[in-house]
PDB file of N, CA and C in Angstrom:
ATOM      1  N   MET A   1    -198.682 166.222 -73.714  1.00  0.00           N
ATOM      2  CA  MET A   1    -198.690 166.231 -74.995  1.00  0.00           C
ATOM      3  C   MET A   1    -199.785 166.100 -75.576  1.00  0.00           C
ATOM      4  N   GLN A   2    -199.913 164.538 -75.616  1.00  0.00           N
ATOM      5  CA  GLN A   2    -200.710 163.508 -76.348  1.00  0.00           C
ATOM      6  C   GLN A   2    -201.938 163.772 -75.655  1.00  0.00           C
ATOM      7  N   VAL A   3    -202.177 163.515 -74.534  1.00  0.00           N
ATOM      8  CA  VAL A   3    -203.548 163.971 -73.748  1.00  0.00           C
ATOM      9  C   VAL A   3    -204.260 165.309 -74.497  1.00  0.00           C
ATOM     10  N   PHE A   4    -203.487 166.454 -74.292  1.00  0.00           N
ATOM     11  CA  PHE A   4    -203.664 167.771 -74.422  1.00  0.00           C
ATOM     12  C   PHE A   4    -204.281 167.720 -75.965  1.00  0.00           C
ATOM     13  N   ILE A   5    -203.553 166.705 -77.028  1.00  0.00           N
ATOM     14  CA  ILE A   5    -204.120 166.952 -78.492  1.00  0.00           C
ATOM     15  C   ILE A   5    -205.203 166.209 -78.615  1.00  0.00           C
ATOM     16  N   LEU A   6    -205.531 165.074 -77.977  1.00  0.00           N
ATOM     17  CA  LEU A   6    -206.796 164.151 -77.904  1.00  0.00           C
ATOM     18  C   LEU A   6    -207.496 164.598 -77.735  1.00  0.00           C
ATOM     19  N   LEU A   7    -207.572 165.465 -76.763  1.00  0.00           N
ATOM     20  CA  LEU A   7    -208.940 166.540 -76.028  1.00  0.00           C
ATOM     21  C   LEU A   7    -209.049 167.541 -76.886  1.00  0.00           C
ATOM     22  N   PHE A   8    -208.343 168.235 -77.772  1.00  0.00           N
ATOM     23  CA  PHE A   8    -208.238 169.251 -78.184  1.00  0.00           C
ATOM     24  C   PHE A   8    -209.348 168.768 -79.851  1.00  0.00           C
ATOM     25  N   ILE A   9    -208.599 167.955 -80.037  1.00  0.00           N
ATOM     26  CA  ILE A   9    -209.033 166.866 -81.493  1.00  0.00           C
ATOM     27  C   ILE A   9    -210.544 166.645 -81.717  1.00  0.00           C
ATOM     28  N   SER A  10    -210.914 166.194 -80.279  1.00  0.00           N
ATOM     29  CA  SER A  10    -212.136 165.643 -80.022  1.00  0.00           C
ATOM     30  C   SER A  10    -213.273 166.772 -80.040  1.00  0.00           C
ATOM     31  N   THR A  11    -212.765 167.744 -79.653  1.00  0.00           N
ATOM     32  CA  THR A  11    -213.883 169.118 -80.056  1.00  0.00           C
ATOM     33  C   THR A  11    -214.161 168.764 -81.362  1.00  0.00           C
ATOM     34  N   LEU A  12    -213.083 168.814 -82.247  1.00  0.00           N
ATOM     35  CA  LEU A  12    -213.420 168.782 -83.742  1.00  0.00           C
ATOM     36  C   LEU A  12    -213.977 167.559 -84.317  1.00  0.00           C
ATOM     37  N   SER A  13    -213.584 166.567 -83.822  1.00  0.00           N
ATOM     38  CA  SER A  13    -214.160 165.600 -84.316  1.00  0.00           C
ATOM     39  C   SER A  13    -215.431 164.822 -84.031  1.00  0.00           C
ATOM     40  N   GLY A  14    -215.714 165.590 -83.138  1.00  0.00           N
ATOM     41  CA  GLY A  14    -217.615 165.685 -82.210  1.00  0.00           C
ATOM     42  C   GLY A  14    -217.971 166.479 -83.018  1.00  0.00           C
ATOM     43  N   ARG A  15    -217.791 167.998 -83.587  1.00  0.00           N
ATOM     44  CA  ARG A  15    -218.515 168.314 -84.340  1.00  0.00           C
ATOM     45  C   ARG A  15    -218.742 167.778 -86.052  1.00  0.00           C
ATOM     46  N   ALA A  16    -217.466 167.020 -86.317  1.00  0.00           N
ATOM     47  CA  ALA A  16    -217.731 166.046 -87.349  1.00  0.00           C
ATOM     48  C   ALA A  16    -218.237 164.835 -87.531  1.00  0.00           C
ATOM     49  N   THR A  17    -218.631 164.259 -86.159  1.00  0.00           N
ATOM     50  CA  THR A  17    -219.283 163.237 -86.114  1.00  0.00           C
ATOM     51  C   THR A  17    -221.013 163.598 -86.031  1.00  0.00           C
ATOM     52  N   ASP A  18    -221.281 165.040 -85.619  1.00  0.00           N
ATOM     53  CA  ASP A  18    -222.584 165.344 -85.354  1.00  0.00           C
ATOM     54  C   ASP A  18    -223.237 165.688 -86.666  1.00  0.00           C
ATOM     55  N   ALA A  19    -221.991 165.998 -87.773  1.00  0.00           N
ATOM     56  CA  ALA A  19    -222.620 166.323 -89.182  1.00  0.00           C
ATOM     57  C   ALA A  19    -222.480 165.147 -90.093  1.00  0.00           C
ATOM     58  N   GLY A  20    -222.401 164.374 -89.543  1.00  0.00           N
ATOM     59  CA  GLY A  20    -222.295 162.936 -90.362  1.00  0.00           C
ATOM     60  C   GLY A  20    -221.104 162.228 -90.834  1.00  0.00           C
ATOM     61  N   PHE A  21    -220.180 162.546 -90.579  1.00  0.00           N
ATOM     62  CA  PHE A  21    -218.989 162.070 -91.109  1.00  0.00           C
ATOM     63  C   PHE A  21    -218.394 161.244 -89.772  1.00  0.00           C
ATOM     64  N   ALA A  22    -219.006 160.636 -89.031  1.00  0.00           N
ATOM     65  CA  ALA A  22    -218.382 159.624 -87.935  1.00  0.00           C
ATOM     66  C   ALA A  22    -217.464 158.464 -88.877  1.00  0.00           C
ATOM     67  N   ARG A  23    -218.012 157.665 -89.504  1.00  0.00           N
ATOM     68  CA  ARG A  23    -217.257 156.694 -90.375  1.00  0.00           C
ATOM     69  C   ARG A  23    -216.076 157.202 -90.860  1.00  0.00           C
ATOM     70  N   HIS A  24    -216.074 158.542 -91.640  1.00  0.00           N
ATOM     71  CA  HIS A  24    -214.701 159.160 -92.221  1.00  0.00           C
ATOM     72  C   HIS A  24    -213.528 159.444 -91.009  1.00  0.00           C
ATOM     73  N   VAL A  25    -214.117 160.071 -89.775  1.00  0.00           N
ATOM     74  CA  VAL A  25    -213.584 160.576 -89.378  1.00  0.00           C
ATOM     75  C   VAL A  25    -212.893 159.357 -88.490  1.00  0.00           C
ATOM     76  N   VAL A  26    -213.652 158.668 -88.129  1.00  0.00           N
ATOM     77  CA  VAL A  26    -212.576 157.024 -87.377  1.00  0.00           C
ATOM     78  C   VAL A  26    -211.836 156.291 -88.353  1.00  0.00           C
ATOM     79  N   LEU A  27    -212.034 156.200 -90.242  1.00  0.00           N
ATOM     80  CA  LEU A  27    -211.044 155.932 -90.708  1.00  0.00           C
ATOM     81  C   LEU A  27    -210.059 156.549 -90.541  1.00  0.00           C
ATOM     82  N   ALA A  28    -210.217 157.613 -90.738  1.00  0.00           N
ATOM     83  CA  ALA A  28    -208.988 158.703 -90.705  1.00  0.00           C
ATOM     84  C   ALA A  28    -207.958 158.390 -89.926  1.00  0.00           C
ATOM     85  N   GLY A  29    -208.381 158.321 -88.791  1.00  0.00           N
ATOM     86  CA  GLY A  29    -208.170 158.158 -87.126  1.00  0.00           C
ATOM     87  C   GLY A  29    -207.411 157.080 -86.651  1.00  0.00           C
ATOM     88  N   SER A  30    -208.191 155.652 -87.394  1.00  0.00           N
ATOM     89  CA  SER A  30    -207.497 154.576 -87.464  1.00  0.00           C
ATOM     90  C   SER A  30    -206.325 154.704 -87.965  1.00  0.00           C
ATOM     91  N   LEU A  31    -206.081 154.960 -89.653  1.00  0.00           N
ATOM     92  CA  LEU A  31    -205.157 154.735 -90.164  1.00  0.00           C
ATOM     93  C   LEU A  31    -203.837 155.719 -89.645  1.00  0.00           C
ATOM     94  N   LEU A  32    -204.126 157.235 -89.257  1.00  0.00           N
ATOM     95  CA  LEU A  32    -202.920 157.763 -88.609  1.00  0.00           C
ATOM     96  C   LEU A  32    -202.794 156.910 -87.432  1.00  0.00           C
ATOM     97  N   LEU A  33    -203.350 156.448 -86.571  1.00  0.00           N
ATOM     98  CA  LEU A  33    -203.057 155.475 -85.285  1.00  0.00           C
ATOM     99  C   LEU A  33    -202.213 154.165 -85.974  1.00  0.00           C
ATOM    100  N   LEU A  34    -202.301 153.448 -87.111  1.00  0.00           N
ATOM    101  CA  LEU A  34    -201.556 152.762 -87.463  1.00  0.00           C
ATOM    102  C   LEU A  34    -199.978 153.304 -88.120  1.00  0.00           C
ATOM    103  N   VAL A  35    -200.212 154.502 -88.443  1.00  0.00           N
ATOM    104  CA  VAL A  35    -198.813 155.505 -88.988  1.00  0.00           C
ATOM    105  C   VAL A  35    -198.055 155.906 -87.651  1.00  0.00           C
ATOM    106  N   GLY A  36    -198.842 156.222 -86.962  1.00  0.00           N
ATOM    107  CA  GLY A  36    -197.851 156.905 -85.715  1.00  0.00           C
ATOM    108  C   GLY A  36    -197.237 155.642 -84.466  1.00  0.00           C
ATOM    109  N   THR A  37    -197.874 154.609 -84.989  1.00  0.00           N
ATOM    110  CA  THR A  37    -197.655 153.367 -84.252  1.00  0.00           C
ATOM    111  C   THR A  37    -196.157 152.940 -84.735  1.00  0.00           C
ATOM    112  N   PHE A  38    -196.375 152.553 -86.198  1.00  0.00           N
ATOM    113  CA  PHE A  38    -195.332 152.118 -87.153  1.00  0.00           C
ATOM    114  C   PHE A  38    -194.535 153.315 -86.627  1.00  0.00           C
ATOM    115  N   ALA A  39    -194.380 154.588 -86.881  1.00  0.00           N
ATOM    116  CA  ALA A  39    -193.205 155.355 -87.022  1.00  0.00           C
ATOM    117  C   ALA A  39    -192.514 155.244 -85.448  1.00  0.00           C
ATOM    118  N   THR A  40    -193.308 155.524 -84.621  1.00  0.00           N
ATOM    119  CA  THR A  40    -192.631 155.121 -83.358  1.00  0.00           C
ATOM    120  C   THR A  40    -191.988 153.920 -82.685  1.00  0.00           C
ATOM    121  N   SER A  41    -191.603 152.775 -83.790  1.00  0.00           N
ATOM    122  CA  SER A  41    -191.462 151.586 -83.597  1.00  0.00           C
ATOM    123  C   SER A  41    -190.032 151.881 -84.437  1.00  0.00           C
ATOM    124  N   TRP A  42    -190.099 152.945 -85.180  1.00  0.00           N
ATOM    125  CA  TRP A  42    -188.703 153.247 -86.220  1.00  0.00           C
ATOM    126  C   TRP A  42    -187.861 154.430 -85.767  1.00  0.00           C
ATOM    127  N   ALA A  43    -188.320 154.678 -84.656  1.00  0.00           N
ATOM    128  CA  ALA A  43    -187.567 156.189 -83.645  1.00  0.00           C
ATOM    129  C   ALA A  43    -186.475 155.584 -83.150  1.00  0.00           C
ATOM    130  N   THR A  44    -185.549 156.376 -83.162  1.00  0.00           N
ATOM    131  CA  THR A  44    -184.130 156.412 -82.082  1.00  0.00           C
ATOM    132  C   THR A  44    -183.746 157.605 -81.718  1.00  0.00           C
ATOM    133  N   GLU A  45    -184.868 158.645 -82.164  1.00  0.00           N
ATOM    134  CA  GLU A  45    -183.990 159.871 -81.407  1.00  0.00           C
ATOM    135  C   GLU A  45    -185.365 160.341 -80.404  1.00  0.00           C
ATOM    136  N   TYR A  46    -185.278 161.226 -79.682  1.00  0.00           N
ATOM    137  CA  TYR A  46    -186.252 161.597 -78.660  1.00  0.00           C
ATOM    138  C   TYR A  46    -187.259 162.425 -79.322  1.00  0.00           C
ATOM    139  N   TRP A  47    -186.956 163.309 -80.471  1.00  0.00           N
ATOM    140  CA  TRP A  47    -188.089 163.945 -81.549  1.00  0.00           C
ATOM    141  C   TRP A  47    -188.879 163.347 -82.262  1.00  0.00           C
ATOM    142  N   GLN A  48    -188.078 162.056 -82.673  1.00  0.00           N
ATOM    143  CA  GLN A  48    -189.184 161.265 -83.447  1.00  0.00           C
ATOM    144  C   GLN A  48    -190.011 160.440 -82.686  1.00  0.00           C
ATOM    145  N   ILE A  49    -189.886 160.412 -81.502  1.00  0.00           N
ATOM    146  CA  ILE A  49    -190.918 159.761 -80.595  1.00  0.00           C
ATOM    147  C   ILE A  49    -192.342 160.664 -80.347  1.00  0.00           C
ATOM    148  N   PHE A  50    -191.771 161.939 -79.744  1.00  0.00           N
ATOM    149  CA  PHE A  50    -192.355 162.832 -79.560  1.00  0.00           C
ATOM    150  C   PHE A  50    -193.347 162.951 -80.985  1.00  0.00           C
ATOM    151  N   LEU A  51    -192.828 163.244 -81.919  1.00  0.00           N
ATOM    152  CA  LEU A  51    -193.790 163.236 -82.668  1.00  0.00           C
ATOM    153  C   LEU A  51    -194.561 162.320 -83.611  1.00  0.00           C
ATOM    154  N   SER A  52    -194.183 161.197 -83.322  1.00  0.00           N
ATOM    155  CA  SER A  52    -194.866 159.739 -83.670  1.00  0.00           C
ATOM    156  C   SER A  52    -196.151 159.684 -82.544  1.00  0.00           C
ATOM    157  N   GLN A  53    -195.557 159.701 -81.463  1.00  0.00           N
ATOM    158  CA  GLN A  53    -196.130 158.978 -80.092  1.00  0.00           C
ATOM    159  C   GLN A  53    -197.152 160.396 -79.652  1.00  0.00           C
ATOM    160  N   GLY A  54    -196.384 161.292 -79.154  1.00  0.00           N
ATOM    161  CA  GLY A  54    -197.124 162.362 -79.004  1.00  0.00           C
ATOM    162  C   GLY A  54    -198.050 162.898 -79.634  1.00  0.00           C
ATOM    163  N   VAL A  55    -197.497 163.266 -81.101  1.00  0.00           N
ATOM    164  CA  VAL A  55    -198.372 164.197 -81.863  1.00  0.00           C
ATOM    165  C   VAL A  55    -199.015 163.409 -82.678  1.00  0.00           C
ATOM    166  N   CYS A  56    -198.927 162.366 -83.592  1.00  0.00           N
ATOM    167  CA  CYS A  56    -199.848 161.984 -84.366  1.00  0.00           C
ATOM    168  C   CYS A  56    -200.668 160.537 -83.780  1.00  0.00           C
ATOM    169  N   VAL A  57    -200.118 159.818 -82.712  1.00  0.00           N
ATOM    170  CA  VAL A  57    -200.919 159.041 -82.269  1.00  0.00           C
ATOM    171  C   VAL A  57    -202.455 159.837 -81.456  1.00  0.00           C
ATOM    172  N   GLY A  58    -201.693 161.320 -80.773  1.00  0.00           N
ATOM    173  CA  GLY A  58    -202.685 162.127 -79.762  1.00  0.00           C
ATOM    174  C   GLY A  58    -203.701 162.703 -81.101  1.00  0.00           C
ATOM    175  N   ILE A  59    -203.094 162.948 -81.892  1.00  0.00           N
ATOM    176  CA  ILE A  59    -204.671 163.066 -83.161  1.00  0.00           C
ATOM    177  C   ILE A  59    -205.263 161.988 -83.442  1.00  0.00           C
ATOM    178  N   SER A  60    -204.743 160.820 -83.727  1.00  0.00           N
ATOM    179  CA  SER A  60    -205.279 159.843 -84.151  1.00  0.00           C
ATOM    180  C   SER A  60    -206.699 159.419 -83.223  1.00  0.00           C
ATOM    181  N   LEU A  61    -206.331 159.435 -81.803  1.00  0.00           N
ATOM    182  CA  LEU A  61    -206.829 159.066 -81.106  1.00  0.00           C
ATOM    183  C   LEU A  61    -207.945 159.789 -80.586  1.00  0.00           C
ATOM    184  N   GLY A  62    -207.707 161.201 -80.978  1.00  0.00           N
ATOM    185  CA  GLY A  62    -208.864 162.624 -80.706  1.00  0.00           C
ATOM    186  C   GLY A  62    -209.960 162.171 -81.719  1.00  0.00           C
ATOM    187  N   LEU A  63    -209.256 161.805 -83.006  1.00  0.00           N
ATOM    188  CA  LEU A  63    -210.617 161.443 -83.931  1.00  0.00           C
ATOM    189  C   LEU A  63    -211.086 160.417 -83.817  1.00  0.00           C
ATOM    190  N   ILE A  64    -210.736 159.143 -82.877  1.00  0.00           N
ATOM    191  CA  ILE A  64    -211.326 157.587 -82.887  1.00  0.00           C
ATOM    192  C   ILE A  64    -212.258 157.425 -81.418  1.00  0.00           C
ATOM    193  N   TRP A  65    -211.500 158.759 -80.401  1.00  0.00           N
ATOM    194  CA  TRP A  65    -212.283 158.804 -79.044  1.00  0.00           C
ATOM    195  C   TRP A  65    -213.761 158.790 -78.994  1.00  0.00           C
ATOM    196  N   LEU A  66    -213.656 160.380 -79.378  1.00  0.00           N
ATOM    197  CA  LEU A  66    -215.406 160.786 -79.195  1.00  0.00           C
ATOM    198  C   LEU A  66    -216.379 160.289 -80.111  1.00  0.00           C
ATOM    199  N   PRO A  67    -215.801 160.125 -81.486  1.00  0.00           N
ATOM    200  CA  PRO A  67    -216.909 159.582 -81.954  1.00  0.00           C
ATOM    201  C   PRO A  67    -217.423 158.090 -81.503  1.00  0.00           C
ATOM    202  N   SER A  68    -216.784 157.144 -81.217  1.00  0.00           N
ATOM    203  CA  SER A  68    -216.774 156.290 -80.710  1.00  0.00           C
ATOM    204  C   SER A  68    -217.774 156.025 -79.757  1.00  0.00           C
ATOM    205  N   THR A  69    -217.523 157.196 -78.732  1.00  0.00           N
ATOM    206  CA  THR A  69    -218.375 157.311 -77.561  1.00  0.00           C
ATOM    207  C   THR A  69    -219.661 157.379 -78.019  1.00  0.00           C
ATOM    208  N   THR A  70    -220.013 158.556 -78.462  1.00  0.00           N
ATOM    209  CA  THR A  70    -221.140 159.224 -78.870  1.00  0.00           C
ATOM    210  C   THR A  70    -221.843 157.979 -80.097  1.00  0.00           C
ATOM    211  N   MET A  71    -221.291 157.344 -80.962  1.00  0.00           N
ATOM    212  CA  MET A  71    -221.866 156.364 -81.872  1.00  0.00           C
ATOM    213  C   MET A  71    -222.382 155.227 -80.629  1.00  0.00           C
ATOM    214  N   ILE A  72    -222.073 155.036 -79.563  1.00  0.00           N
ATOM    215  CA  ILE A  72    -222.468 154.003 -78.773  1.00  0.00           C
ATOM    216  C   ILE A  72    -223.725 154.275 -78.268  1.00  0.00           C
ATOM    217  N   SER A  73    -224.001 155.477 -77.760  1.00  0.00           N
ATOM    218  CA  SER A  73    -225.022 156.391 -77.001  1.00  0.00           C
ATOM    219  C   SER A  73    -226.224 156.802 -78.189  1.00  0.00           C
ATOM    220  N   HIS A  74    -225.925 156.558 -79.101  1.00  0.00           N
ATOM    221  CA  HIS A  74    -226.809 156.876 -80.575  1.00  0.00           C
ATOM    222  C   HIS A  74    -227.788 155.259 -80.727  1.00  0.00           C
ATOM    223  N   TYR A  75    -226.656 154.603 -80.896  1.00  0.00           N
ATOM    224  CA  TYR A  75    -227.648 152.962 -80.727  1.00  0.00           C
ATOM    225  C   TYR A  75    -227.921 152.148 -80.206  1.00  0.00           C
ATOM    226  N   PHE A  76    -227.448 152.736 -79.070  1.00  0.00           N
ATOM    227  CA  PHE A  76    -228.080 151.844 -77.924  1.00  0.00           C
ATOM    228  C   PHE A  76    -229.258 152.808 -77.170  1.00  0.00           C
ATOM    229  N   VAL A  77    -230.508 152.048 -77.075  1.00  0.00           N
ATOM    230  CA  VAL A  77    -231.304 153.432 -76.039  1.00  0.00           C
ATOM    231  C   VAL A  77    -231.657 152.613 -75.096  1.00  0.00           C
ATOM    232  N   LYS A  78    -232.193 151.334 -75.174  1.00  0.00           N
ATOM    233  CA  LYS A  78    -232.594 150.711 -73.551  1.00  0.00           C
ATOM    234  C   LYS A  78    -231.219 150.301 -72.530  1.00  0.00           C
ATOM    235  N   LYS A  79    -230.406 149.863 -73.012  1.00  0.00           N
ATOM    236  CA  LYS A  79    -229.285 149.247 -72.286  1.00  0.00           C
ATOM    237  C   LYS A  79    -228.226 150.622 -72.672  1.00  0.00           C
ATOM    238  N   ARG A  80    -228.539 151.873 -72.597  1.00  0.00           N
ATOM    239  CA  ARG A  80    -227.294 152.635 -72.998  1.00  0.00           C
ATOM    240  C   ARG A  80    -226.246 152.638 -71.998  1.00  0.00           C
ATOM    241  N   ALA A  81    -226.022 152.501 -70.561  1.00  0.00           N
ATOM    242  CA  ALA A  81    -225.571 152.593 -69.485  1.00  0.00           C
ATOM    243  C   ALA A  81    -224.714 150.870 -69.771  1.00  0.00           C
ATOM    244  N   LEU A  82    -225.166 149.956 -69.948  1.00  0.00           N
ATOM    245  CA  LEU A  82    -224.469 148.540 -70.168  1.00  0.00           C
ATOM    246  C   LEU A  82    -223.697 148.818 -71.417  1.00  0.00           C
ATOM    247  N   ALA A  83    -223.820 149.503 -71.974  1.00  0.00           N
ATOM    248  CA  ALA A  83    -223.257 149.428 -73.287  1.00  0.00           C
ATOM    249  C   ALA A  83    -221.952 150.056 -73.455  1.00  0.00           C
ATOM    250  N   LEU A  84    -222.118 151.426 -72.874  1.00  0.00           N
ATOM    251  CA  LEU A  84    -221.074 152.311 -72.594  1.00  0.00           C
ATOM    252  C   LEU A  84    -220.146 151.956 -71.364  1.00  0.00           C
ATOM    253  N   THR A  85    -220.682 151.309 -70.614  1.00  0.00           N
ATOM    254  CA  THR A  85    -219.889 150.144 -69.779  1.00  0.00           C
ATOM    255  C   THR A  85    -218.737 149.157 -70.392  1.00  0.00           C
ATOM    256  N   ILE A  86    -219.316 148.462 -70.336  1.00  0.00           N
ATOM    257  CA  ILE A  86    -218.950 147.260 -71.861  1.00  0.00           C
ATOM    258  C   ILE A  86    -217.866 148.300 -72.557  1.00  0.00           C
ATOM    259  N   ALA A  87    -218.257 149.127 -72.970  1.00  0.00           N
ATOM    260  CA  ALA A  87    -216.972 149.727 -73.870  1.00  0.00           C
ATOM    261  C   ALA A  87    -215.867 150.294 -73.179  1.00  0.00           C
ATOM    262  N   SER A  88    -216.094 150.394 -72.412  1.00  0.00           N
ATOM    263  CA  SER A  88    -215.319 151.232 -71.297  1.00  0.00           C
ATOM    264  C   SER A  88    -213.992 150.737 -70.693  1.00  0.00           C
ATOM    265  N   THR A  89    -214.294 149.756 -70.605  1.00  0.00           N
ATOM    266  CA  THR A  89    -213.901 148.365 -69.845  1.00  0.00           C
ATOM    267  C   THR A  89    -212.460 147.878 -70.712  1.00  0.00           C
ATOM    268  N   GLY A  90    -212.589 148.206 -72.119  1.00  0.00           N
ATOM    269  CA  GLY A  90    -211.588 147.640 -73.020  1.00  0.00           C
ATOM    270  C   GLY A  90    -210.356 148.857 -72.735  1.00  0.00           C
ATOM    271  N   THR A  91    -210.614 150.039 -72.411  1.00  0.00           N
ATOM    272  CA  THR A  91    -209.213 150.653 -72.128  1.00  0.00           C
ATOM    273  C   THR A  91    -208.408 149.977 -70.803  1.00  0.00           C
ATOM    274  N   SER A  92    -209.441 149.696 -69.847  1.00  0.00           N
ATOM    275  CA  SER A  92    -208.970 149.201 -68.446  1.00  0.00           C
ATOM    276  C   SER A  92    -208.277 147.600 -69.118  1.00  0.00           C
ATOM    277  N   THR A  93    -208.579 146.941 -69.289  1.00  0.00           N
ATOM    278  CA  THR A  93    -208.331 145.705 -69.605  1.00  0.00           C
ATOM    279  C   THR A  93    -207.156 145.657 -70.693  1.00  0.00           C
ATOM    280  N   GLY A  94    -207.053 146.832 -71.939  1.00  0.00           N
ATOM    281  CA  GLY A  94    -205.588 146.757 -72.896  1.00  0.00           C
ATOM    282  C   GLY A  94    -204.669 147.044 -71.540  1.00  0.00           C
ATOM    283  N   GLY A  95    -204.673 147.735 -70.479  1.00  0.00           N
ATOM    284  CA  GLY A  95    -204.134 148.503 -69.856  1.00  0.00           C
ATOM    285  C   GLY A  95    -203.346 147.494 -68.780  1.00  0.00           C
ATOM    286  N   MET A  96    -203.764 146.419 -68.415  1.00  0.00           N
ATOM    287  CA  MET A  96    -203.553 145.196 -67.626  1.00  0.00           C
ATOM    288  C   MET A  96    -202.901 144.340 -68.501  1.00  0.00           C
ATOM    289  N   ILE A  97    -203.509 143.820 -69.764  1.00  0.00           N
ATOM    290  CA  ILE A  97    -202.777 142.597 -70.414  1.00  0.00           C
ATOM    291  C   ILE A  97    -202.045 143.089 -71.061  1.00  0.00           C
ATOM    292  N   PHE A  98    -201.590 144.243 -71.825  1.00  0.00           N
ATOM    293  CA  PHE A  98    -200.596 144.709 -72.583  1.00  0.00           C
ATOM    294  C   PHE A  98    -199.198 144.771 -71.985  1.00  0.00           C
ATOM    295  N   PRO A  99    -199.163 145.528 -70.310  1.00  0.00           N
ATOM    296  CA  PRO A  99    -197.819 145.417 -69.990  1.00  0.00           C
ATOM    297  C   PRO A  99    -197.097 143.776 -69.117  1.00  0.00           C
ATOM    298  N   ALA A 100    -198.601 143.152 -69.148  1.00  0.00           N
ATOM    299  CA  ALA A 100    -198.000 141.506 -68.445  1.00  0.00           C
ATOM    300  C   ALA A 100    -197.760 140.954 -69.533  1.00  0.00           C
ATOM    301  N   MET A 101    -198.152 141.469 -70.911  1.00  0.00           N
ATOM    302  CA  MET A 101    -197.746 140.471 -72.031  1.00  0.00           C
ATOM    303  C   MET A 101    -196.258 140.923 -72.736  1.00  0.00           C
ATOM    304  N   VAL A 102    -195.997 142.241 -72.474  1.00  0.00           N
ATOM    305  CA  VAL A 102    -194.516 142.744 -72.507  1.00  0.00           C
ATOM    306  C   VAL A 102    -193.861 141.642 -71.573  1.00  0.00           C
ATOM    307  N   GLN A 103    -194.388 141.975 -70.336  1.00  0.00           N
ATOM    308  CA  GLN A 103    -193.212 141.292 -69.212  1.00  0.00           C
ATOM    309  C   GLN A 103    -193.209 140.081 -69.284  1.00  0.00           C
ATOM    310  N   HIS A 104    -193.985 139.058 -69.869  1.00  0.00           N
ATOM    311  CA  HIS A 104    -194.218 137.805 -70.470  1.00  0.00           C
ATOM    312  C   HIS A 104    -193.107 137.405 -71.527  1.00  0.00           C
ATOM    313  N   LEU A 105    -193.083 138.647 -72.341  1.00  0.00           N
ATOM    314  CA  LEU A 105    -192.652 138.132 -74.226  1.00  0.00           C
ATOM    315  C   LEU A 105    -191.112 138.613 -74.294  1.00  0.00           C
ATOM    316  N   THR A 106    -190.744 139.633 -73.312  1.00  0.00           N
ATOM    317  CA  THR A 106    -189.151 140.431 -73.298  1.00  0.00           C
ATOM    318  C   THR A 106    -188.533 139.251 -72.687  1.00  0.00           C
ATOM    319  N   PRO A 107    -188.317 138.441 -71.730  1.00  0.00           N
ATOM    320  CA  PRO A 107    -187.378 137.380 -71.844  1.00  0.00           C
ATOM    321  C   PRO A 107    -187.485 136.293 -72.954  1.00  0.00           C
ATOM    322  N   LYS A 108    -188.442 135.974 -73.523  1.00  0.00           N
ATOM    323  CA  LYS A 108    -188.115 135.076 -74.413  1.00  0.00           C
ATOM    324  C   LYS A 108    -187.793 135.687 -76.178  1.00  0.00           C
ATOM    325  N   ILE A 109    -188.380 136.686 -76.223  1.00  0.00           N
ATOM    326  CA  ILE A 109    -187.814 137.033 -77.503  1.00  0.00           C
ATOM    327  C   ILE A 109    -186.812 138.279 -77.378  1.00  0.00           C
ATOM    328  N   GLY A 110    -186.964 138.781 -76.473  1.00  0.00           N
ATOM    329  CA  GLY A 110    -185.517 139.589 -76.266  1.00  0.00           C
ATOM    330  C   GLY A 110    -185.910 140.985 -76.529  1.00  0.00           C
ATOM    331  N   LYS A 111    -185.272 141.981 -76.566  1.00  0.00           N
ATOM    332  CA  LYS A 111    -185.428 143.556 -76.898  1.00  0.00           C
ATOM    333  C   LYS A 111    -184.462 143.982 -78.423  1.00  0.00           C
ATOM    334  N   SER A 112    -185.470 144.269 -79.112  1.00  0.00           N
ATOM    335  CA  SER A 112    -184.981 144.686 -80.527  1.00  0.00           C
ATOM    336  C   SER A 112    -183.904 146.028 -80.501  1.00  0.00           C
ATOM    337  N   PRO A 113    -183.083 145.942 -81.283  1.00  0.00           N
ATOM    338  CA  PRO A 113    -181.996 147.333 -81.168  1.00  0.00           C
ATOM    339  C   PRO A 113    -182.953 148.708 -81.193  1.00  0.00           C
ATOM    340  N   GLU A 114    -183.951 148.761 -81.647  1.00  0.00           N
ATOM    341  CA  GLU A 114    -184.862 150.140 -81.709  1.00  0.00           C
ATOM    342  C   GLU A 114    -185.345 150.292 -80.363  1.00  0.00           C
ATOM    343  N   LEU A 115    -185.588 149.215 -79.577  1.00  0.00           N
ATOM    344  CA  LEU A 115    -186.066 149.673 -78.318  1.00  0.00           C
ATOM    345  C   LEU A 115    -185.057 149.919 -77.003  1.00  0.00           C
ATOM    346  N   ILE A 116    -183.687 149.443 -77.478  1.00  0.00           N
ATOM    347  CA  ILE A 116    -182.547 149.874 -77.151  1.00  0.00           C
ATOM    348  C   ILE A 116    -182.027 151.322 -77.107  1.00  0.00           C
ATOM    349  N   CYS A 117    -182.217 151.493 -78.562  1.00  0.00           N
ATOM    350  CA  CYS A 117    -181.773 152.955 -78.462  1.00  0.00           C
ATOM    351  C   CYS A 117    -182.831 154.246 -77.825  1.00  0.00           C
ATOM    352  N   ARG A 118    -184.466 153.584 -77.858  1.00  0.00           N
ATOM    353  CA  ARG A 118    -185.068 154.135 -77.265  1.00  0.00           C
ATOM    354  C   ARG A 118    -184.962 154.510 -75.736  1.00  0.00           C
ATOM    355  N   SER A 119    -184.776 153.453 -75.269  1.00  0.00           N
ATOM    356  CA  SER A 119    -184.701 153.209 -73.640  1.00  0.00           C
ATOM    357  C   SER A 119    -183.307 154.589 -73.029  1.00  0.00           C
ATOM    358  N   THR A 120    -182.451 154.331 -74.121  1.00  0.00           N
ATOM    359  CA  THR A 120    -181.432 154.990 -73.845  1.00  0.00           C
ATOM    360  C   THR A 120    -181.084 156.607 -74.113  1.00  0.00           C
ATOM    361  N   VAL A 121    -182.376 156.821 -74.607  1.00  0.00           N
ATOM    362  CA  VAL A 121    -183.143 158.464 -74.485  1.00  0.00           C
ATOM    363  C   VAL A 121    -183.886 159.094 -73.797  1.00  0.00           C
ATOM    364  N   PHE A 122    -184.260 158.202 -72.866  1.00  0.00           N
ATOM    365  CA  PHE A 122    -185.078 158.892 -72.116  1.00  0.00           C
ATOM    366  C   PHE A 122    -183.831 158.504 -70.502  1.00  0.00           C
TER     367      PHE A 122
END
């Protein structure tokens, strides 16, 4: 659901970016991403996780993803491919670092009660 919403909202955010509202769209997406992430940490039931992570974060990523990619293409003319490559590696780097960080920190810090409740939902 999150990926569907991301791609669907990207069509609207792309049009808003072309109309000159890129800064406003990315700012709204960033604020909504914070709200969705914090709301996910407070969730104790499946429907709350679905709304916060699936819907709220999906909308926010849809507002952020396409404008950031198109703005890189607009700003870099000479080395556009290199700039897009460097920007794209951030996703895969985060996908490798964050799970390793969680695996390393969980034995030291422990699980919070919210994480225990969330793991029993699934």
